[in-house]
Amino acid sequence: MPLTFRKSFQILPGVRINLNRRSRSITFGFKNGPHYTRSSTGRDTTSMDLPGGLGWRRTTRRNR
């Protein structure tokens, strides 16, 4: 069984820092509404929870 590590800290209302074993990311957005996440691995994700258990997500890669 692999060991996993994930920790999330709220630094300001609507701003979270997420840490895991391989990368770090920062997320902007509140519980209701769109979220924008930027990761240290070059991944940008925009996501939003929709009514009825649906969700929407779009992920893109940044050129380094």
Protein backbone atom coordinates (compact mmCIF):
# COMPACT_ATOMS: atom_id res chain seq x y z
CA MET A 1 0.00 0.00 0.00
CA PRO A 2 1.59 3.33 -1.06
CA LEU A 3 1.95 6.13 1.43
CA THR A 4 0.30 9.40 0.50
CA PHE A 5 0.66 12.89 1.87
CA ARG A 6 -1.72 15.78 1.26
CA LYS A 7 -2.23 18.90 3.34
CA SER A 8 -4.25 22.03 2.63
CA PHE A 9 -3.98 25.36 4.47
CA GLN A 10 -6.32 28.31 4.21
CA ILE A 11 -4.19 31.46 4.21
CA LEU A 12 -6.93 34.01 3.40
CA PRO A 13 -10.66 33.71 2.78
CA GLY A 14 -10.92 32.10 -0.66
CA VAL A 15 -7.18 31.28 -0.92
CA ARG A 16 -5.70 27.88 -0.10
CA ILE A 17 -2.20 26.40 -0.32
CA ASN A 18 -2.17 22.68 -1.10
CA LEU A 19 0.86 20.48 -0.47
CA ASN A 20 1.46 16.91 -1.49
CA ARG A 21 4.46 14.67 -1.90
CA ARG A 22 5.42 15.85 -5.39
CA SER A 23 4.05 19.37 -5.85
CA ARG A 24 2.52 22.48 -4.38
CA SER A 25 -0.46 24.47 -5.61
CA ILE A 26 -2.49 27.53 -4.79
CA THR A 27 -6.26 27.68 -5.19
CA PHE A 28 -8.38 30.82 -5.50
CA GLY A 29 -12.14 30.64 -5.07
CA PHE A 30 -14.87 30.08 -2.53
CA LYS A 31 -16.93 26.96 -1.87
CA ASN A 32 -19.74 28.09 -4.17
CA GLY A 33 -18.49 29.34 -7.51
CA PRO A 34 -15.53 28.80 -9.78
CA HIS A 35 -12.08 27.76 -8.54
CA TYR A 36 -8.75 28.49 -10.19
CA THR A 37 -5.76 26.30 -9.24
CA ARG A 38 -2.14 26.82 -10.29
CA SER A 39 0.31 23.98 -9.60
CA SER A 40 4.10 23.88 -9.37
CA THR A 41 4.09 21.12 -12.01
CA GLY A 42 2.76 23.53 -14.66
CA ARG A 43 -0.91 22.59 -14.50
CA ASP A 44 -3.66 25.23 -14.42
CA THR A 45 -7.16 24.02 -13.56
CA THR A 46 -10.44 25.90 -13.59
CA SER A 47 -13.33 24.05 -11.99
CA MET A 48 -16.84 24.62 -10.71
CA ASP A 49 -19.38 22.50 -8.84
CA LEU A 50 -22.76 22.53 -10.55
CA PRO A 51 -26.17 21.69 -9.05
CA GLY A 52 -27.32 18.08 -9.00
CA GLY A 53 -23.96 16.50 -8.27
CA LEU A 54 -22.45 17.65 -11.54
CA GLY A 55 -19.10 19.31 -11.91
CA TRP A 56 -17.08 21.02 -14.59
CA ARG A 57 -13.30 21.05 -14.94
CA ARG A 58 -10.81 22.34 -17.51
CA THR A 59 -7.09 21.62 -17.17
CA THR A 60 -4.30 23.10 -19.27
CA ARG A 61 -0.52 22.83 -19.23
CA ARG A 62 1.79 25.85 -19.11
CA ASN A 63 4.89 25.92 -21.28
CA ARG A 64 8.03 26.03 -19.18
